[in-house]
C-alpha atoms as a PDB file:
ATOM      1  CA  MET A   1     -15.478 -11.386  48.697  1.00  0.00           C
ATOM      2  CA  THR A   2     -16.114 -14.459  46.551  1.00  0.00           C
ATOM      3  CA  ILE A   3     -19.258 -15.445  44.712  1.00  0.00           C
ATOM      4  CA  LEU A   4     -19.695 -18.283  47.231  1.00  0.00           C
ATOM      5  CA  GLU A   5     -19.510 -15.838  50.144  1.00  0.00           C
ATOM      6  CA  LEU A   6     -22.023 -13.555  48.456  1.00  0.00           C
ATOM      7  CA  ARG A   7     -24.394 -16.447  47.828  1.00  0.00           C
ATOM      8  CA  GLN A   8     -24.069 -17.645  51.412  1.00  0.00           C
ATOM      9  CA  LYS A   9     -24.788 -14.116  52.611  1.00  0.00           C
ATOM     10  CA  THR A  10     -28.080 -14.188  50.708  1.00  0.00           C
ATOM     11  CA  GLY A  11     -28.993 -17.634  52.028  1.00  0.00           C
ATOM     12  CA  LEU A  12     -29.948 -18.768  48.533  1.00  0.00           C
ATOM     13  CA  SER A  13     -29.179 -22.070  46.844  1.00  0.00           C
ATOM     14  CA  GLN A  14     -27.045 -22.012  43.700  1.00  0.00           C
ATOM     15  CA  SER A  15     -30.112 -22.254  41.471  1.00  0.00           C
ATOM     16  CA  GLN A  16     -31.984 -19.557  43.398  1.00  0.00           C
ATOM     17  CA  PHE A  17     -28.948 -17.268  43.327  1.00  0.00           C
ATOM     18  CA  ALA A  18     -28.469 -17.844  39.597  1.00  0.00           C
ATOM     19  CA  LYS A  19     -32.111 -17.079  38.906  1.00  0.00           C
ATOM     20  CA  ARG A  20     -32.104 -13.992  41.169  1.00  0.00           C
ATOM     21  CA  PHE A  21     -29.113 -12.471  39.364  1.00  0.00           C
ATOM     22  CA  HIS A  22     -29.968 -13.774  35.859  1.00  0.00           C
ATOM     23  CA  LEU A  23     -26.995 -16.119  35.676  1.00  0.00           C
ATOM     24  CA  ASN A  24     -26.634 -19.647  34.405  1.00  0.00           C
ATOM     25  CA  VAL A  25     -26.480 -22.072  37.343  1.00  0.00           C
ATOM     26  CA  ARG A  26     -23.522 -23.866  35.745  1.00  0.00           C
ATOM     27  CA  THR A  27     -21.652 -20.567  35.621  1.00  0.00           C
ATOM     28  CA  VAL A  28     -22.248 -20.050  39.341  1.00  0.00           C
ATOM     29  CA  GLN A  29     -21.008 -23.593  39.983  1.00  0.00           C
ATOM     30  CA  THR A  30     -17.786 -23.109  38.008  1.00  0.00           C
ATOM     31  CA  TRP A  31     -17.124 -19.823  39.795  1.00  0.00           C
ATOM     32  CA  GLU A  32     -17.673 -21.383  43.193  1.00  0.00           C
ATOM     33  CA  GLN A  33     -15.509 -24.404  42.392  1.00  0.00           C
ATOM     34  CA  GLY A  34     -12.713 -22.181  41.132  1.00  0.00           C
ATOM     35  CA  THR A  35     -12.796 -23.713  37.660  1.00  0.00           C
ATOM     36  CA  ARG A  36     -13.281 -20.210  36.287  1.00  0.00           C
ATOM     37  CA  LYS A  37     -12.625 -16.855  37.934  1.00  0.00           C
ATOM     38  CA  THR A  38     -15.630 -14.664  38.625  1.00  0.00           C
ATOM     39  CA  PRO A  39     -15.140 -11.378  36.773  1.00  0.00           C
ATOM     40  CA  ASP A  40     -14.435  -8.530  39.184  1.00  0.00           C
ATOM     41  CA  TYR A  41     -17.309  -6.464  37.815  1.00  0.00           C
ATOM     42  CA  VAL A  42     -19.782  -9.273  38.586  1.00  0.00           C
ATOM     43  CA  ILE A  43     -18.636  -9.424  42.208  1.00  0.00           C
ATOM     44  CA  TRP A  44     -18.882  -5.635  42.417  1.00  0.00           C
ATOM     45  CA  LEU A  45     -22.370  -5.478  40.894  1.00  0.00           C
ATOM     46  CA  ILE A  46     -23.832  -8.287  43.010  1.00  0.00           C
ATOM     47  CA  THR A  47     -22.276  -6.786  46.146  1.00  0.00           C
ATOM     48  CA  ARG A  48     -23.887  -3.418  45.384  1.00  0.00           C
ATOM     49  CA  VAL A  49     -27.300  -4.979  44.725  1.00  0.00           C
ATOM     50  CA  ILE A  50     -27.163  -6.863  48.039  1.00  0.00           C
ATOM     51  CA  GLU A  51     -26.063  -3.713  49.901  1.00  0.00           C
ATOM     52  CA  LEU A  52     -28.832  -1.636  48.344  1.00  0.00           C
ATOM     53  CA  GLU A  53     -31.435  -4.279  49.153  1.00  0.00           C
ATOM     54  CA  GLU A  54     -30.252  -4.252  52.777  1.00  0.00           C
ATOM     55  CA  ILE A  55     -30.587  -0.453  52.916  1.00  0.00           C
ATOM     56  CA  ILE A  56     -34.063  -0.585  51.402  1.00  0.00           C
ATOM     57  CA  ASN A  57     -35.152  -3.289  53.848  1.00  0.00           C
ATOM     58  CA  VAL A  58     -33.833  -1.327  56.832  1.00  0.00           C
ATOM     59  CA  LYS A  59     -35.628   1.839  55.737  1.00  0.00           C
ATOM     60  CA  ARG A  60     -38.835  -0.044  54.955  1.00  0.00           C
ATOM     61  CA  ASP A  61     -38.782  -1.863  58.299  1.00  0.00           C
ATOM     62  CA  GLY A  62     -37.898   1.322  60.153  1.00  0.00           C
ATOM     63  CA  ILE A  63     -34.938  -0.240  61.940  1.00  0.00           C
END
């Protein structure tokens, strides 16, 4: 999964996504444009955070 796909999954803008994950918005832009490769560990960490948030929301909502 790419950083763009992860951001789209969250429904956040680039600036919102950057703020949410404590990243520089320019960094997010260069990753999405392919100017620089997103480090694998960043993809892994953000994926895990999103997955855990989904689990928490499901349990909280009782679905």
